[in-house]
């Protein structure tokens, strides 16, 4: 399949696909004349890259896995899993920081309501 088809299947732009290739994240496709020709394996890899990006990974972080894959001639599953677990720990730390921030916001709201609450107005006698 040509670049337009892989782009349509993955929701990626042709420019992004070319970027993934230039960074070594996507194996170089074969050629049909001057056109790149992609396989279903390329589609799978682009989808994994997109999911990884949406999970907070930077392309440079994914490049580490690709470099190791090229060095070992096999996918470094242990390294990938370790990277995912490290990212999960970062997310957990961010969640804890956001919970603490939420607590401070609740405290601030309480404090300003106590400090600036209007005293009840006396009822008008008729």
PDB file of N, CA and C in Angstrom:
ATOM      1  N   UNK A   1       0.853  -1.176   0.000  1.00  0.00           N
ATOM      2  CA  UNK A   1       0.000   0.000   0.000  1.00  0.00           C
ATOM      3  C   UNK A   1       0.893   1.232   0.000  1.00  0.00           C
ATOM      4  N   UNK A   2       0.363   2.297  -0.545  1.00  0.00           N
ATOM      5  CA  UNK A   2       1.123   3.538  -0.634  1.00  0.00           C
ATOM      6  C   UNK A   2       0.857   4.414   0.594  1.00  0.00           C
ATOM      7  N   UNK A   3       1.604   5.499   0.710  1.00  0.00           N
ATOM      8  CA  UNK A   3       1.583   6.322   1.917  1.00  0.00           C
ATOM      9  C   UNK A   3       0.195   6.886   2.225  1.00  0.00           C
ATOM     10  N   UNK A   4      -0.575   7.229   1.208  1.00  0.00           N
ATOM     11  CA  UNK A   4      -1.921   7.743   1.450  1.00  0.00           C
ATOM     12  C   UNK A   4      -2.811   6.724   2.131  1.00  0.00           C
ATOM     13  N   UNK A   5      -2.655   5.468   1.758  1.00  0.00           N
ATOM     14  CA  UNK A   5      -3.478   4.400   2.350  1.00  0.00           C
ATOM     15  C   UNK A   5      -3.079   4.154   3.803  1.00  0.00           C
ATOM     16  N   UNK A   6      -1.784   4.076   4.084  1.00  0.00           N
ATOM     17  CA  UNK A   6      -1.356   3.858   5.471  1.00  0.00           C
ATOM     18  C   UNK A   6      -1.764   5.053   6.332  1.00  0.00           C
ATOM     19  N   UNK A   7      -1.710   6.246   5.755  1.00  0.00           N
ATOM     20  CA  UNK A   7      -2.146   7.439   6.489  1.00  0.00           C
ATOM     21  C   UNK A   7      -3.627   7.328   6.836  1.00  0.00           C
ATOM     22  N   UNK A   8      -4.442   6.909   5.878  1.00  0.00           N
ATOM     23  CA  UNK A   8      -5.882   6.778   6.118  1.00  0.00           C
ATOM     24  C   UNK A   8      -6.173   5.699   7.156  1.00  0.00           C
ATOM     25  N   UNK A   9      -5.448   4.598   7.110  1.00  0.00           N
ATOM     26  CA  UNK A   9      -5.686   3.490   8.044  1.00  0.00           C
ATOM     27  C   UNK A   9      -5.275   3.820   9.473  1.00  0.00           C
ATOM     28  N   UNK A  10      -4.299   4.706   9.629  1.00  0.00           N
ATOM     29  CA  UNK A  10      -3.757   4.992  10.961  1.00  0.00           C
ATOM     30  C   UNK A  10      -4.182   6.342  11.519  1.00  0.00           C
ATOM     31  N   UNK A  11      -4.809   7.178  10.693  1.00  0.00           N
ATOM     32  CA  UNK A  11      -5.171   8.513  11.155  1.00  0.00           C
ATOM     33  C   UNK A  11      -3.969   9.429  11.273  1.00  0.00           C
ATOM     34  N   UNK A  12      -2.915   9.082  10.594  1.00  0.00           N
ATOM     35  CA  UNK A  12      -1.654   9.808  10.639  1.00  0.00           C
ATOM     36  C   UNK A  12      -1.486  10.574   9.332  1.00  0.00           C
ATOM     37  N   UNK A  13      -0.721  11.622   9.348  1.00  0.00           N
ATOM     38  CA  UNK A  13      -0.459  12.335   8.097  1.00  0.00           C
ATOM     39  C   UNK A  13       0.733  11.690   7.384  1.00  0.00           C
ATOM     40  N   UNK A  14       0.798  11.826   6.077  1.00  0.00           N
ATOM     41  CA  UNK A  14       1.985  11.340   5.368  1.00  0.00           C
ATOM     42  C   UNK A  14       3.274  11.972   5.904  1.00  0.00           C
ATOM     43  N   UNK A  15       3.187  13.237   6.292  1.00  0.00           N
ATOM     44  CA  UNK A  15       4.361  13.921   6.842  1.00  0.00           C
ATOM     45  C   UNK A  15       4.834  13.230   8.127  1.00  0.00           C
ATOM     46  N   UNK A  16       3.892  12.853   9.000  1.00  0.00           N
ATOM     47  CA  UNK A  16       4.257  12.171  10.245  1.00  0.00           C
ATOM     48  C   UNK A  16       4.874  10.805   9.951  1.00  0.00           C
ATOM     49  N   UNK A  17       4.314  10.103   8.983  1.00  0.00           N
ATOM     50  CA  UNK A  17       4.858   8.791   8.620  1.00  0.00           C
ATOM     51  C   UNK A  17       6.297   8.935   8.126  1.00  0.00           C
ATOM     52  N   UNK A  18       6.542   9.935   7.311  1.00  0.00           N
ATOM     53  CA  UNK A  18       7.911  10.181   6.831  1.00  0.00           C
ATOM     54  C   UNK A  18       8.835  10.549   7.996  1.00  0.00           C
ATOM     55  N   UNK A  19       8.304  11.302   8.965  1.00  0.00           N
ATOM     56  CA  UNK A  19       9.098  11.649  10.151  1.00  0.00           C
ATOM     57  C   UNK A  19       9.472  10.388  10.923  1.00  0.00           C
ATOM     58  N   UNK A  20       8.504   9.500  11.138  1.00  0.00           N
ATOM     59  CA  UNK A  20       8.794   8.246  11.847  1.00  0.00           C
ATOM     60  C   UNK A  20       9.889   7.464  11.125  1.00  0.00           C
ATOM     61  N   UNK A  21       9.839   7.462   9.806  1.00  0.00           N
ATOM     62  CA  UNK A  21      10.881   6.780   9.024  1.00  0.00           C
ATOM     63  C   UNK A  21      12.229   7.454   9.240  1.00  0.00           C
ATOM     64  N   UNK A  22      12.252   8.785   9.154  1.00  0.00           N
ATOM     65  CA  UNK A  22      13.523   9.508   9.267  1.00  0.00           C
ATOM     66  C   UNK A  22      14.143   9.346  10.648  1.00  0.00           C
ATOM     67  N   UNK A  23      13.301   9.158  11.669  1.00  0.00           N
ATOM     68  CA  UNK A  23      13.803   8.953  13.031  1.00  0.00           C
ATOM     69  C   UNK A  23      14.178   7.498  13.294  1.00  0.00           C
ATOM     70  N   UNK A  24      13.890   6.635  12.337  1.00  0.00           N
ATOM     71  CA  UNK A  24      14.210   5.220  12.505  1.00  0.00           C
ATOM     72  C   UNK A  24      13.165   4.448  13.288  1.00  0.00           C
ATOM     73  N   UNK A  25      12.025   5.077  13.568  1.00  0.00           N
ATOM     74  CA  UNK A  25      10.966   4.395  14.317  1.00  0.00           C
ATOM     75  C   UNK A  25      10.192   3.422  13.439  1.00  0.00           C
ATOM     76  N   UNK A  26      10.151   3.709  12.170  1.00  0.00           N
ATOM     77  CA  UNK A  26       9.410   2.898  11.211  1.00  0.00           C
ATOM     78  C   UNK A  26      10.410   2.334  10.207  1.00  0.00           C
ATOM     79  N   UNK A  27      10.417   1.012  10.020  1.00  0.00           N
ATOM     80  CA  UNK A  27      11.361   0.440   9.054  1.00  0.00           C
ATOM     81  C   UNK A  27      11.151   1.037   7.668  1.00  0.00           C
ATOM     82  N   UNK A  28      12.237   1.198   6.974  1.00  0.00           N
ATOM     83  CA  UNK A  28      12.148   1.759   5.626  1.00  0.00           C
ATOM     84  C   UNK A  28      11.345   0.806   4.745  1.00  0.00           C
ATOM     85  N   UNK A  29      10.321   1.325   4.083  1.00  0.00           N
ATOM     86  CA  UNK A  29       9.516   0.457   3.226  1.00  0.00           C
ATOM     87  C   UNK A  29      10.234   0.160   1.911  1.00  0.00           C
ATOM     88  N   UNK A  30       9.767  -0.880   1.260  1.00  0.00           N
ATOM     89  CA  UNK A  30      10.307  -1.166  -0.071  1.00  0.00           C
ATOM     90  C   UNK A  30       9.804  -0.096  -1.033  1.00  0.00           C
ATOM     91  N   UNK A  31      10.310  -0.120  -2.237  1.00  0.00           N
ATOM     92  CA  UNK A  31       9.922   0.886  -3.230  1.00  0.00           C
ATOM     93  C   UNK A  31       9.282   0.210  -4.428  1.00  0.00           C
ATOM     94  N   UNK A  32       8.307   0.904  -4.965  1.00  0.00           N
ATOM     95  CA  UNK A  32       7.726   0.540  -6.256  1.00  0.00           C
ATOM     96  C   UNK A  32       7.939   1.759  -7.136  1.00  0.00           C
ATOM     97  N   UNK A  33       8.993   1.697  -7.903  1.00  0.00           N
ATOM     98  CA  UNK A  33       9.397   2.882  -8.650  1.00  0.00           C
ATOM     99  C   UNK A  33       9.938   3.897  -7.664  1.00  0.00           C
ATOM    100  N   UNK A  34       9.374   5.096  -7.686  1.00  0.00           N
ATOM    101  CA  UNK A  34       9.812   6.137  -6.748  1.00  0.00           C
ATOM    102  C   UNK A  34       8.921   6.207  -5.518  1.00  0.00           C
ATOM    103  N   UNK A  35       7.904   5.351  -5.450  1.00  0.00           N
ATOM    104  CA  UNK A  35       6.944   5.388  -4.347  1.00  0.00           C
ATOM    105  C   UNK A  35       7.297   4.383  -3.257  1.00  0.00           C
ATOM    106  N   UNK A  36       7.092   4.810  -2.016  1.00  0.00           N
ATOM    107  CA  UNK A  36       7.253   3.895  -0.892  1.00  0.00           C
ATOM    108  C   UNK A  36       6.080   2.916  -0.905  1.00  0.00           C
ATOM    109  N   UNK A  37       6.367   1.662  -0.561  1.00  0.00           N
ATOM    110  CA  UNK A  37       5.309   0.659  -0.506  1.00  0.00           C
ATOM    111  C   UNK A  37       5.310   0.039   0.887  1.00  0.00           C
ATOM    112  N   UNK A  38       4.191   0.211   1.608  1.00  0.00           N
ATOM    113  CA  UNK A  38       4.072  -0.213   3.000  1.00  0.00           C
ATOM    114  C   UNK A  38       3.320  -1.533   3.116  1.00  0.00           C
ATOM    115  N   UNK A  39       3.601  -2.242   4.201  1.00  0.00           N
ATOM    116  CA  UNK A  39       2.954  -3.526   4.477  1.00  0.00           C
ATOM    117  C   UNK A  39       2.046  -3.381   5.698  1.00  0.00           C
ATOM    118  N   UNK A  40       1.232  -4.385   5.989  1.00  0.00           N
ATOM    119  CA  UNK A  40       0.428  -4.344   7.217  1.00  0.00           C
ATOM    120  C   UNK A  40       1.288  -4.193   8.484  1.00  0.00           C
ATOM    121  N   UNK A  41       2.519  -4.698   8.440  1.00  0.00           N
ATOM    122  CA  UNK A  41       3.424  -4.535   9.589  1.00  0.00           C
ATOM    123  C   UNK A  41       3.703  -3.053   9.853  1.00  0.00           C
ATOM    124  N   UNK A  42       3.872  -2.273   8.798  1.00  0.00           N
ATOM    125  CA  UNK A  42       4.074  -0.828   8.953  1.00  0.00           C
ATOM    126  C   UNK A  42       2.854  -0.187   9.614  1.00  0.00           C
ATOM    127  N   UNK A  43       1.670  -0.627   9.217  1.00  0.00           N
ATOM    128  CA  UNK A  43       0.432  -0.098   9.814  1.00  0.00           C
ATOM    129  C   UNK A  43       0.438  -0.363  11.315  1.00  0.00           C
ATOM    130  N   UNK A  44       0.785  -1.587  11.707  1.00  0.00           N
ATOM    131  CA  UNK A  44       0.822  -1.941  13.134  1.00  0.00           C
ATOM    132  C   UNK A  44       1.803  -1.062  13.898  1.00  0.00           C
ATOM    133  N   UNK A  45       2.965  -0.842  13.326  1.00  0.00           N
ATOM    134  CA  UNK A  45       3.981  -0.032  14.008  1.00  0.00           C
ATOM    135  C   UNK A  45       3.514   1.412  14.154  1.00  0.00           C
ATOM    136  N   UNK A  46       2.935   1.980  13.105  1.00  0.00           N
ATOM    137  CA  UNK A  46       2.438   3.362  13.196  1.00  0.00           C
ATOM    138  C   UNK A  46       1.359   3.451  14.267  1.00  0.00           C
ATOM    139  N   UNK A  47       0.483   2.481  14.332  1.00  0.00           N
ATOM    140  CA  UNK A  47      -0.560   2.493  15.373  1.00  0.00           C
ATOM    141  C   UNK A  47       0.043   2.429  16.769  1.00  0.00           C
ATOM    142  N   UNK A  48       1.063   1.605  16.952  1.00  0.00           N
ATOM    143  CA  UNK A  48       1.735   1.522  18.254  1.00  0.00           C
ATOM    144  C   UNK A  48       2.387   2.861  18.596  1.00  0.00           C
ATOM    145  N   UNK A  49       3.027   3.484  17.629  1.00  0.00           N
ATOM    146  CA  UNK A  49       3.652   4.794  17.861  1.00  0.00           C
ATOM    147  C   UNK A  49       2.594   5.795  18.301  1.00  0.00           C
ATOM    148  N   UNK A  50       1.458   5.808  17.627  1.00  0.00           N
ATOM    149  CA  UNK A  50       0.386   6.755  17.957  1.00  0.00           C
ATOM    150  C   UNK A  50      -0.165   6.499  19.362  1.00  0.00           C
ATOM    151  N   UNK A  51      -0.361   5.244  19.715  1.00  0.00           N
ATOM    152  CA  UNK A  51      -0.855   4.923  21.058  1.00  0.00           C
ATOM    153  C   UNK A  51       0.180   5.341  22.100  1.00  0.00           C
ATOM    154  N   UNK A  52       1.445   5.058  21.825  1.00  0.00           N
ATOM    155  CA  UNK A  52       2.507   5.437  22.763  1.00  0.00           C
ATOM    156  C   UNK A  52       2.554   6.951  22.951  1.00  0.00           C
ATOM    157  N   UNK A  53       2.412   7.697  21.859  1.00  0.00           N
ATOM    158  CA  UNK A  53       2.397   9.160  21.973  1.00  0.00           C
ATOM    159  C   UNK A  53       1.198   9.619  22.796  1.00  0.00           C
ATOM    160  N   UNK A  54       0.052   9.027  22.569  1.00  0.00           N
ATOM    161  CA  UNK A  54      -1.139   9.441  23.320  1.00  0.00           C
ATOM    162  C   UNK A  54      -1.021   9.069  24.794  1.00  0.00           C
ATOM    163  N   UNK A  55      -0.151   8.104  25.108  1.00  0.00           N
ATOM    164  CA  UNK A  55       0.086   7.707  26.494  1.00  0.00           C
ATOM    165  C   UNK A  55       1.197   8.535  27.139  1.00  0.00           C
ATOM    166  N   UNK A  56       1.723   9.515  26.407  1.00  0.00           N
ATOM    167  CA  UNK A  56       2.690  10.429  26.994  1.00  0.00           C
ATOM    168  C   UNK A  56       4.136  10.210  26.595  1.00  0.00           C
ATOM    169  N   UNK A  57       4.408   9.257  25.724  1.00  0.00           N
ATOM    170  CA  UNK A  57       5.781   9.033  25.293  1.00  0.00           C
ATOM    171  C   UNK A  57       6.171  10.036  24.215  1.00  0.00           C
ATOM    172  N   UNK A  58       7.408  10.496  24.300  1.00  0.00           N
ATOM    173  CA  UNK A  58       7.969  11.360  23.262  1.00  0.00           C
ATOM    174  C   UNK A  58       8.608  10.464  22.205  1.00  0.00           C
ATOM    175  N   UNK A  59       8.692  10.979  20.995  1.00  0.00           N
ATOM    176  CA  UNK A  59       9.314  10.198  19.925  1.00  0.00           C
ATOM    177  C   UNK A  59      10.749   9.826  20.282  1.00  0.00           C
ATOM    178  N   UNK A  60      11.445  10.714  20.979  1.00  0.00           N
ATOM    179  CA  UNK A  60      12.827  10.412  21.373  1.00  0.00           C
ATOM    180  C   UNK A  60      12.878   9.228  22.335  1.00  0.00           C
ATOM    181  N   UNK A  61      11.872   9.103  23.199  1.00  0.00           N
ATOM    182  CA  UNK A  61      11.824   7.959  24.110  1.00  0.00           C
ATOM    183  C   UNK A  61      11.589   6.665  23.333  1.00  0.00           C
ATOM    184  N   UNK A  62      10.759   6.734  22.316  1.00  0.00           N
ATOM    185  CA  UNK A  62      10.511   5.557  21.484  1.00  0.00           C
ATOM    186  C   UNK A  62      11.763   5.195  20.691  1.00  0.00           C
ATOM    187  N   UNK A  63      12.549   6.195  20.368  1.00  0.00           N
ATOM    188  CA  UNK A  63      13.783   5.957  19.631  1.00  0.00           C
ATOM    189  C   UNK A  63      14.756   5.082  20.390  1.00  0.00           C
ATOM    190  N   UNK A  64      14.756   5.170  21.704  1.00  0.00           N
ATOM    191  CA  UNK A  64      15.629   4.333  22.526  1.00  0.00           C
ATOM    192  C   UNK A  64      15.319   2.859  22.304  1.00  0.00           C
ATOM    193  N   UNK A  65      14.035   2.535  22.255  1.00  0.00           N
ATOM    194  CA  UNK A  65      13.618   1.148  22.020  1.00  0.00           C
ATOM    195  C   UNK A  65      14.033   0.715  20.619  1.00  0.00           C
ATOM    196  N   UNK A  66      13.835   1.592  19.652  1.00  0.00           N
ATOM    197  CA  UNK A  66      14.192   1.266  18.266  1.00  0.00           C
ATOM    198  C   UNK A  66      15.691   1.034  18.119  1.00  0.00           C
ATOM    199  N   UNK A  67      16.494   1.878  18.768  1.00  0.00           N
ATOM    200  CA  UNK A  67      17.949   1.708  18.702  1.00  0.00           C
ATOM    201  C   UNK A  67      18.359   0.356  19.269  1.00  0.00           C
ATOM    202  N   UNK A  68      17.757  -0.007  20.385  1.00  0.00           N
ATOM    203  CA  UNK A  68      18.079  -1.297  21.004  1.00  0.00           C
ATOM    204  C   UNK A  68      17.610  -2.455  20.120  1.00  0.00           C
ATOM    205  N   UNK A  69      16.457  -2.281  19.492  1.00  0.00           N
ATOM    206  CA  UNK A  69      15.948  -3.308  18.564  1.00  0.00           C
ATOM    207  C   UNK A  69      16.941  -3.522  17.429  1.00  0.00           C
ATOM    208  N   UNK A  70      17.446  -2.441  16.890  1.00  0.00           N
ATOM    209  CA  UNK A  70      18.416  -2.543  15.799  1.00  0.00           C
ATOM    210  C   UNK A  70      19.719  -3.184  16.266  1.00  0.00           C
ATOM    211  N   UNK A  71      20.112  -2.892  17.494  1.00  0.00           N
ATOM    212  CA  UNK A  71      21.348  -3.454  18.037  1.00  0.00           C
ATOM    213  C   UNK A  71      21.206  -4.955  18.282  1.00  0.00           C
ATOM    214  N   UNK A  72      20.050  -5.374  18.831  1.00  0.00           N
ATOM    215  CA  UNK A  72      19.847  -6.778  19.198  1.00  0.00           C
ATOM    216  C   UNK A  72      19.260  -7.620  18.061  1.00  0.00           C
ATOM    217  N   UNK A  73      18.763  -6.961  17.030  1.00  0.00           N
ATOM    218  CA  UNK A  73      18.047  -7.648  15.944  1.00  0.00           C
ATOM    219  C   UNK A  73      16.790  -8.362  16.430  1.00  0.00           C
ATOM    220  N   UNK A  74      16.207  -7.840  17.484  1.00  0.00           N
ATOM    221  CA  UNK A  74      14.919  -8.334  17.979  1.00  0.00           C
ATOM    222  C   UNK A  74      14.288  -7.217  18.801  1.00  0.00           C
ATOM    223  N   UNK A  75      12.978  -7.277  18.967  1.00  0.00           N
ATOM    224  CA  UNK A  75      12.302  -6.239  19.742  1.00  0.00           C
ATOM    225  C   UNK A  75      12.673  -6.389  21.212  1.00  0.00           C
ATOM    226  N   UNK A  76      13.157  -5.325  21.854  1.00  0.00           N
ATOM    227  CA  UNK A  76      13.568  -5.397  23.264  1.00  0.00           C
ATOM    228  C   UNK A  76      12.355  -5.266  24.195  1.00  0.00           C
ATOM    229  N   UNK A  77      11.613  -6.342  24.311  1.00  0.00           N
ATOM    230  CA  UNK A  77      10.378  -6.330  25.087  1.00  0.00           C
ATOM    231  C   UNK A  77      10.611  -5.900  26.533  1.00  0.00           C
ATOM    232  N   UNK A  78      11.712  -6.370  27.124  1.00  0.00           N
ATOM    233  CA  UNK A  78      12.003  -6.013  28.521  1.00  0.00           C
ATOM    234  C   UNK A  78      12.195  -4.504  28.664  1.00  0.00           C
ATOM    235  N   UNK A  79      12.934  -3.913  27.735  1.00  0.00           N
ATOM    236  CA  UNK A  79      13.174  -2.467  27.761  1.00  0.00           C
ATOM    237  C   UNK A  79      11.874  -1.699  27.564  1.00  0.00           C
ATOM    238  N   UNK A  80      11.052  -2.159  26.635  1.00  0.00           N
ATOM    239  CA  UNK A  80       9.768  -1.496  26.383  1.00  0.00           C
ATOM    240  C   UNK A  80       8.874  -1.572  27.613  1.00  0.00           C
ATOM    241  N   UNK A  81       8.798  -2.748  28.226  1.00  0.00           N
ATOM    242  CA  UNK A  81       7.972  -2.894  29.429  1.00  0.00           C
ATOM    243  C   UNK A  81       8.502  -2.041  30.578  1.00  0.00           C
ATOM    244  N   UNK A  82       9.816  -1.962  30.716  1.00  0.00           N
ATOM    245  CA  UNK A  82      10.407  -1.116  31.762  1.00  0.00           C
ATOM    246  C   UNK A  82      10.074   0.352  31.510  1.00  0.00           C
ATOM    247  N   UNK A  83      10.117   0.771  30.258  1.00  0.00           N
ATOM    248  CA  UNK A  83       9.759   2.152  29.920  1.00  0.00           C
ATOM    249  C   UNK A  83       8.309   2.457  30.230  1.00  0.00           C
ATOM    250  N   UNK A  84       7.442   1.496  29.951  1.00  0.00           N
ATOM    251  CA  UNK A  84       6.016   1.676  30.248  1.00  0.00           C
ATOM    252  C   UNK A  84       5.800   1.778  31.751  1.00  0.00           C
ATOM    253  N   UNK A  85       6.457   0.919  32.515  1.00  0.00           N
ATOM    254  CA  UNK A  85       6.315   0.973  33.976  1.00  0.00           C
ATOM    255  C   UNK A  85       6.866   2.283  34.535  1.00  0.00           C
ATOM    256  N   UNK A  86       7.965   2.770  33.986  1.00  0.00           N
ATOM    257  CA  UNK A  86       8.515   4.055  34.428  1.00  0.00           C
ATOM    258  C   UNK A  86       7.533   5.180  34.132  1.00  0.00           C
ATOM    259  N   UNK A  87       6.903   5.134  32.968  1.00  0.00           N
ATOM    260  CA  UNK A  87       5.905   6.155  32.607  1.00  0.00           C
ATOM    261  C   UNK A  87       4.715   6.067  33.556  1.00  0.00           C
ATOM    262  N   UNK A  88       4.304   4.855  33.918  1.00  0.00           N
ATOM    263  CA  UNK A  88       3.188   4.688  34.861  1.00  0.00           C
ATOM    264  C   UNK A  88       3.532   5.300  36.223  1.00  0.00           C
ATOM    265  N   UNK A  89       4.771   5.131  36.670  1.00  0.00           N
ATOM    266  CA  UNK A  89       5.188   5.735  37.938  1.00  0.00           C
ATOM    267  C   UNK A  89       5.130   7.255  37.858  1.00  0.00           C
ATOM    268  N   UNK A  90       5.527   7.815  36.721  1.00  0.00           N
ATOM    269  CA  UNK A  90       5.429   9.266  36.532  1.00  0.00           C
ATOM    270  C   UNK A  90       3.977   9.719  36.601  1.00  0.00           C
ATOM    271  N   UNK A  91       3.098   8.961  35.973  1.00  0.00           N
ATOM    272  CA  UNK A  91       1.668   9.301  35.982  1.00  0.00           C
ATOM    273  C   UNK A  91       1.129   9.240  37.409  1.00  0.00           C
ATOM    274  N   UNK A  92       1.508   8.210  38.159  1.00  0.00           N
ATOM    275  CA  UNK A  92       1.047   8.097  39.546  1.00  0.00           C
ATOM    276  C   UNK A  92       1.520   9.289  40.379  1.00  0.00           C
ATOM    277  N   UNK A  93       2.750   9.724  40.159  1.00  0.00           N
ATOM    278  CA  UNK A  93       3.266  10.895  40.878  1.00  0.00           C
ATOM    279  C   UNK A  93       2.477  12.146  40.495  1.00  0.00           C
ATOM    280  N   UNK A  94       2.135  12.274  39.220  1.00  0.00           N
ATOM    281  CA  UNK A  94       1.334  13.419  38.777  1.00  0.00           C
ATOM    282  C   UNK A  94      -0.061  13.373  39.395  1.00  0.00           C
ATOM    283  N   UNK A  95      -0.638  12.184  39.487  1.00  0.00           N
ATOM    284  CA  UNK A  95      -1.963  12.040  40.108  1.00  0.00           C
ATOM    285  C   UNK A  95      -1.905  12.496  41.561  1.00  0.00           C
ATOM    286  N   UNK A  96      -0.871  12.078  42.280  1.00  0.00           N
ATOM    287  CA  UNK A  96      -0.734  12.481  43.685  1.00  0.00           C
ATOM    288  C   UNK A  96      -0.560  13.993  43.800  1.00  0.00           C
ATOM    289  N   UNK A  97       0.219  14.576  42.901  1.00  0.00           N
ATOM    290  CA  UNK A  97       0.409  16.030  42.921  1.00  0.00           C
ATOM    291  C   UNK A  97      -0.907  16.746  42.632  1.00  0.00           C
ATOM    292  N   UNK A  98      -1.701  16.223  41.709  1.00  0.00           N
ATOM    293  CA  UNK A  98      -3.001  16.833  41.395  1.00  0.00           C
ATOM    294  C   UNK A  98      -3.979  16.686  42.555  1.00  0.00           C
ATOM    295  N   UNK A  99      -3.927  15.560  43.254  1.00  0.00           N
ATOM    296  CA  UNK A  99      -4.784  15.386  44.436  1.00  0.00           C
ATOM    297  C   UNK A  99      -4.417  16.413  45.509  1.00  0.00           C
ATOM    298  N   UNK A 100      -3.123  16.629  45.695  1.00  0.00           N
ATOM    299  CA  UNK A 100      -2.682  17.624  46.676  1.00  0.00           C
ATOM    300  C   UNK A 100      -3.134  19.019  46.251  1.00  0.00           C
ATOM    301  N   UNK A 101      -3.029  19.331  44.980  1.00  0.00           N
ATOM    302  CA  UNK A 101      -3.487  20.618  44.463  1.00  0.00           C
ATOM    303  C   UNK A 101      -4.989  20.773  44.675  1.00  0.00           C
ATOM    304  N   UNK A 102      -5.748  19.719  44.422  1.00  0.00           N
ATOM    305  CA  UNK A 102      -7.191  19.765  44.638  1.00  0.00           C
ATOM    306  C   UNK A 102      -7.500  20.042  46.110  1.00  0.00           C
ATOM    307  N   UNK A 103      -6.748  19.434  46.999  1.00  0.00           N
ATOM    308  CA  UNK A 103      -6.936  19.688  48.430  1.00  0.00           C
ATOM    309  C   UNK A 103      -6.682  21.144  48.780  1.00  0.00           C
ATOM    310  N   UNK A 104      -5.649  21.740  48.189  1.00  0.00           N
ATOM    311  CA  UNK A 104      -5.362  23.153  48.442  1.00  0.00           C
ATOM    312  C   UNK A 104      -6.471  24.043  47.889  1.00  0.00           C
ATOM    313  N   UNK A 105      -7.039  23.677  46.749  1.00  0.00           N
ATOM    314  CA  UNK A 105      -8.151  24.455  46.184  1.00  0.00           C
ATOM    315  C   UNK A 105      -9.386  24.380  47.077  1.00  0.00           C
ATOM    316  N   UNK A 106      -9.668  23.209  47.607  1.00  0.00           N
ATOM    317  CA  UNK A 106     -10.803  23.060  48.531  1.00  0.00           C
ATOM    318  C   UNK A 106     -10.582  23.922  49.767  1.00  0.00           C
ATOM    319  N   UNK A 107      -9.361  23.898  50.280  1.00  0.00           N
ATOM    320  CA  UNK A 107      -9.020  24.705  51.452  1.00  0.00           C
ATOM    321  C   UNK A 107      -9.157  26.194  51.144  1.00  0.00           C
ATOM    322  N   UNK A 108      -8.687  26.624  49.986  1.00  0.00           N
ATOM    323  CA  UNK A 108      -8.796  28.024  49.584  1.00  0.00           C
ATOM    324  C   UNK A 108     -10.256  28.442  49.487  1.00  0.00           C
ATOM    325  N   UNK A 109     -11.072  27.620  48.887  1.00  0.00           N
ATOM    326  CA  UNK A 109     -12.497  27.932  48.758  1.00  0.00           C
ATOM    327  C   UNK A 109     -13.135  28.086  50.132  1.00  0.00           C
ATOM    328  N   UNK A 110     -12.816  27.166  51.029  1.00  0.00           N
ATOM    329  CA  UNK A 110     -13.353  27.244  52.384  1.00  0.00           C
ATOM    330  C   UNK A 110     -12.905  28.535  53.065  1.00  0.00           C
ATOM    331  N   UNK A 111     -11.620  28.856  52.950  1.00  0.00           N
ATOM    332  CA  UNK A 111     -11.085  30.047  53.607  1.00  0.00           C
ATOM    333  C   UNK A 111     -11.719  31.328  53.078  1.00  0.00           C
ATOM    334  N   UNK A 112     -11.868  31.454  51.762  1.00  0.00           N
ATOM    335  CA  UNK A 112     -12.445  32.699  51.249  1.00  0.00           C
ATOM    336  C   UNK A 112     -13.928  32.801  51.573  1.00  0.00           C
ATOM    337  N   UNK A 113     -14.610  31.661  51.665  1.00  0.00           N
ATOM    338  CA  UNK A 113     -16.022  31.714  52.041  1.00  0.00           C
ATOM    339  C   UNK A 113     -16.194  32.111  53.500  1.00  0.00           C
ATOM    340  N   UNK A 114     -15.289  31.670  54.363  1.00  0.00           N
ATOM    341  CA  UNK A 114     -15.350  32.073  55.769  1.00  0.00           C
ATOM    342  C   UNK A 114     -14.987  33.541  55.898  1.00  0.00           C
ATOM    343  N   UNK A 115     -13.948  33.959  55.223  1.00  0.00           N
ATOM    344  CA  UNK A 115     -13.449  35.316  55.348  1.00  0.00           C
ATOM    345  C   UNK A 115     -14.375  36.352  54.722  1.00  0.00           C
ATOM    346  N   UNK A 116     -14.958  36.032  53.591  1.00  0.00           N
ATOM    347  CA  UNK A 116     -15.724  37.029  52.859  1.00  0.00           C
ATOM    348  C   UNK A 116     -17.223  36.772  52.829  1.00  0.00           C
ATOM    349  N   UNK A 117     -17.693  35.866  53.628  1.00  0.00           N
ATOM    350  CA  UNK A 117     -19.137  35.593  53.638  1.00  0.00           C
ATOM    351  C   UNK A 117     -19.877  36.840  54.126  1.00  0.00           C
ATOM    352  N   UNK A 118     -20.983  37.144  53.487  1.00  0.00           N
ATOM    353  CA  UNK A 118     -21.803  38.284  53.887  1.00  0.00           C
ATOM    354  C   UNK A 118     -22.616  37.889  55.114  1.00  0.00           C
ATOM    355  N   UNK A 119     -22.638  38.781  56.094  1.00  0.00           N
ATOM    356  CA  UNK A 119     -23.482  38.465  57.252  1.00  0.00           C
ATOM    357  C   UNK A 119     -24.944  38.451  56.806  1.00  0.00           C
ATOM    358  N   UNK A 120     -25.756  37.658  57.452  1.00  0.00           N
ATOM    359  CA  UNK A 120     -27.165  37.620  57.068  1.00  0.00           C
ATOM    360  C   UNK A 120     -27.798  38.997  57.241  1.00  0.00           C
ATOM    361  N   UNK A 121     -28.623  39.388  56.299  1.00  0.00           N
ATOM    362  CA  UNK A 121     -29.321  40.670  56.353  1.00  0.00           C
ATOM    363  C   UNK A 121     -30.521  40.523  57.292  1.00  0.00           C
ATOM    364  N   UNK A 122     -30.742  41.563  58.116  1.00  0.00           N
ATOM    365  CA  UNK A 122     -31.909  41.486  59.003  1.00  0.00           C
ATOM    366  C   UNK A 122     -33.184  41.494  58.160  1.00  0.00           C
ATOM    367  N   UNK A 123     -34.160  40.769  58.639  1.00  0.00           N
ATOM    368  CA  UNK A 123     -35.449  40.723  57.932  1.00  0.00           C
ATOM    369  C   UNK A 123     -36.135  42.066  58.091  1.00  0.00           C
ATOM    370  N   UNK A 124     -36.781  42.532  57.053  1.00  0.00           N
ATOM    371  CA  UNK A 124     -37.508  43.802  57.089  1.00  0.00           C
ATOM    372  C   UNK A 124     -38.830  43.592  57.824  1.00  0.00           C
ATOM    373  N   UNK A 125     -39.132  44.518  58.725  1.00  0.00           N
ATOM    374  CA  UNK A 125     -40.422  44.456  59.427  1.00  0.00           C
ATOM    375  C   UNK A 125     -41.459  45.137  58.569  1.00  0.00           C
ATOM    376  N   UNK A 126     -42.563  44.520  58.392  1.00  0.00           N
ATOM    377  CA  UNK A 126     -43.628  45.143  57.607  1.00  0.00           C
ATOM    378  C   UNK A 126     -44.804  45.494  58.436  1.00  0.00           C
TER     379      UNK A 126
END
